[in-house]
């Protein structure tokens, strides 16, 4: 049993990108699916597909690479961990690499980016940074 499924998700993405795999399969959950949608919307991954099976669905993520065969996802960093949760109000939301990257938050309005949280005037738990 995993104690931190989001960290597992990020590690699988990071490792697949470094190994230059075209795709990676990750056990599905609603939060992971929402995170995947955000990553696709902001251009960090090419596409995704939900694979249904009898036990637990899986998310197949097709990774995106630039013209030099480097992964588009340059870095992923887990911020809020099960042992130490990190929350932020709307006025103290971080700017990742001077708005070059994203902070993904879990808020009462769902999983959203730091930019959307500022627009909606809502704070929450900072899940991770991506750049």
Protein backbone atom coordinates (compact mmCIF):
# COMPACT_ATOMS: atom_id res chain seq x y z
CA UNK A 1 0.00 0.00 0.00
CA UNK A 2 1.29 3.44 -0.93
CA UNK A 3 1.36 6.17 1.66
CA UNK A 4 1.76 8.96 -0.91
CA UNK A 5 0.14 8.19 -4.28
CA UNK A 6 0.86 11.68 -5.68
CA UNK A 7 4.59 11.26 -5.04
CA UNK A 8 4.41 7.87 -6.80
CA UNK A 9 2.64 9.54 -9.76
CA UNK A 10 5.33 12.23 -10.00
CA UNK A 11 8.16 9.71 -9.67
CA UNK A 12 6.75 7.55 -12.47
CA UNK A 13 6.49 10.60 -14.74
CA UNK A 14 9.99 11.77 -13.86
CA UNK A 15 11.56 8.33 -14.38
CA UNK A 16 9.75 7.71 -17.69
CA UNK A 17 10.90 11.08 -19.00
CA UNK A 18 14.51 10.49 -18.03
CA UNK A 19 14.43 7.04 -19.66
CA UNK A 20 12.85 8.60 -22.79
CA UNK A 21 9.83 6.29 -22.75
CA UNK A 22 7.00 7.32 -25.07
CA UNK A 23 4.35 6.48 -22.48
CA UNK A 24 3.86 5.50 -18.84
CA UNK A 25 0.98 3.69 -17.09
CA UNK A 26 -0.11 4.92 -13.67
CA UNK A 27 -2.82 3.49 -11.37
CA UNK A 28 -5.84 5.76 -11.67
CA UNK A 29 -7.67 7.88 -9.13
CA UNK A 30 -9.86 10.94 -9.50
CA UNK A 31 -7.13 13.28 -8.23
CA UNK A 32 -4.49 11.78 -10.55
CA UNK A 33 -6.87 12.15 -13.49
CA UNK A 34 -7.45 15.82 -12.64
CA UNK A 35 -3.69 16.40 -12.36
CA UNK A 36 -3.19 14.70 -15.74
CA UNK A 37 -5.81 16.97 -17.33
CA UNK A 38 -4.00 20.04 -15.96
CA UNK A 39 -0.63 18.80 -17.29
CA UNK A 40 -2.13 18.21 -20.74
CA UNK A 41 -3.93 21.56 -20.80
CA UNK A 42 -0.68 23.41 -20.06
CA UNK A 43 1.34 21.42 -22.62
CA UNK A 44 3.51 19.29 -20.34
CA UNK A 45 2.23 15.97 -21.74
CA UNK A 46 1.06 15.03 -25.22
CA UNK A 47 -2.06 13.02 -24.39
CA UNK A 48 -3.56 10.54 -21.94
CA UNK A 49 -5.91 7.60 -22.03
CA UNK A 50 -7.90 5.93 -19.27
CA UNK A 51 -7.54 2.15 -19.45
CA UNK A 52 -10.40 0.35 -17.73
CA UNK A 53 -9.98 -3.02 -16.05
CA UNK A 54 -11.76 -5.03 -13.37
CA UNK A 55 -9.59 -3.96 -10.39
CA UNK A 56 -8.34 -0.40 -10.67
CA UNK A 57 -8.28 1.68 -13.82
CA UNK A 58 -4.98 2.97 -15.16
CA UNK A 59 -4.00 6.23 -16.82
CA UNK A 60 -1.71 5.88 -19.83
CA UNK A 61 0.20 9.14 -20.24
CA UNK A 62 1.96 9.89 -23.52
CA UNK A 63 4.99 12.00 -22.75
CA UNK A 64 6.04 15.06 -24.72
CA UNK A 65 9.59 15.79 -25.86
CA UNK A 66 11.13 18.85 -27.52
CA UNK A 67 13.07 18.91 -30.81
CA UNK A 68 16.27 17.88 -28.97
CA UNK A 69 14.58 14.79 -27.45
CA UNK A 70 14.54 16.35 -23.98
CA UNK A 71 11.38 15.89 -21.90
CA UNK A 72 9.12 18.95 -21.76
CA UNK A 73 8.73 18.34 -18.03
CA UNK A 74 12.08 19.66 -16.78
CA UNK A 75 11.31 19.21 -13.11
CA UNK A 76 8.70 17.98 -10.64
CA UNK A 77 8.84 18.66 -6.92
CA UNK A 78 6.40 17.39 -4.32
CA UNK A 79 5.64 20.14 -1.80
CA UNK A 80 2.90 18.95 0.55
CA UNK A 81 3.68 15.53 1.96
CA UNK A 82 1.62 13.24 4.22
CA UNK A 83 3.92 14.00 7.15
CA UNK A 84 3.93 17.77 6.60
CA UNK A 85 1.04 19.35 4.75
CA UNK A 86 1.71 22.73 3.12
CA UNK A 87 -1.21 25.13 2.78
CA UNK A 88 -1.25 28.60 1.30
CA UNK A 89 -3.74 31.43 1.22
CA UNK A 90 -4.45 33.19 -2.04
CA UNK A 91 -2.18 36.13 -1.18
CA UNK A 92 0.84 33.90 -0.46
CA UNK A 93 0.58 31.50 -3.41
CA UNK A 94 4.04 30.72 -4.83
CA UNK A 95 5.25 31.71 -8.28
CA UNK A 96 7.24 28.82 -9.74
CA UNK A 97 10.27 30.01 -11.71
CA UNK A 98 8.77 33.50 -12.02
CA UNK A 99 5.56 32.09 -13.58
CA UNK A 100 7.49 29.89 -16.02
CA UNK A 101 6.31 26.78 -14.11
CA UNK A 102 3.11 25.82 -12.33
CA UNK A 103 2.09 25.09 -8.78
CA UNK A 104 -0.76 22.58 -8.60
CA UNK A 105 -3.11 22.97 -5.64
CA UNK A 106 -5.93 21.02 -4.09
CA UNK A 107 -8.65 23.53 -3.20
CA UNK A 108 -12.31 23.42 -2.19
CA UNK A 109 -13.02 24.04 -5.90
CA UNK A 110 -10.97 21.04 -7.03
CA UNK A 111 -7.44 20.52 -8.27
CA UNK A 112 -6.31 23.73 -9.99
CA UNK A 113 -3.15 25.67 -10.84
CA UNK A 114 -1.81 28.64 -8.91
CA UNK A 115 -2.93 31.01 -11.68
CA UNK A 116 -6.50 29.71 -11.56
CA UNK A 117 -6.47 29.93 -7.76
CA UNK A 118 -5.50 33.60 -7.95
CA UNK A 119 -8.31 34.28 -10.44
CA UNK A 120 -10.86 32.43 -8.30
CA UNK A 121 -9.47 34.02 -5.10
CA UNK A 122 -9.03 30.69 -3.32
CA UNK A 123 -6.13 29.05 -1.46
CA UNK A 124 -5.43 25.43 -0.65
CA UNK A 125 -2.91 22.64 -0.25
CA UNK A 126 0.10 22.98 -2.57
CA UNK A 127 0.54 19.52 -4.07
CA UNK A 128 3.59 19.98 -6.31
CA UNK A 129 5.56 22.25 -8.63
CA UNK A 130 6.19 21.51 -12.31
CA UNK A 131 8.49 23.39 -14.68
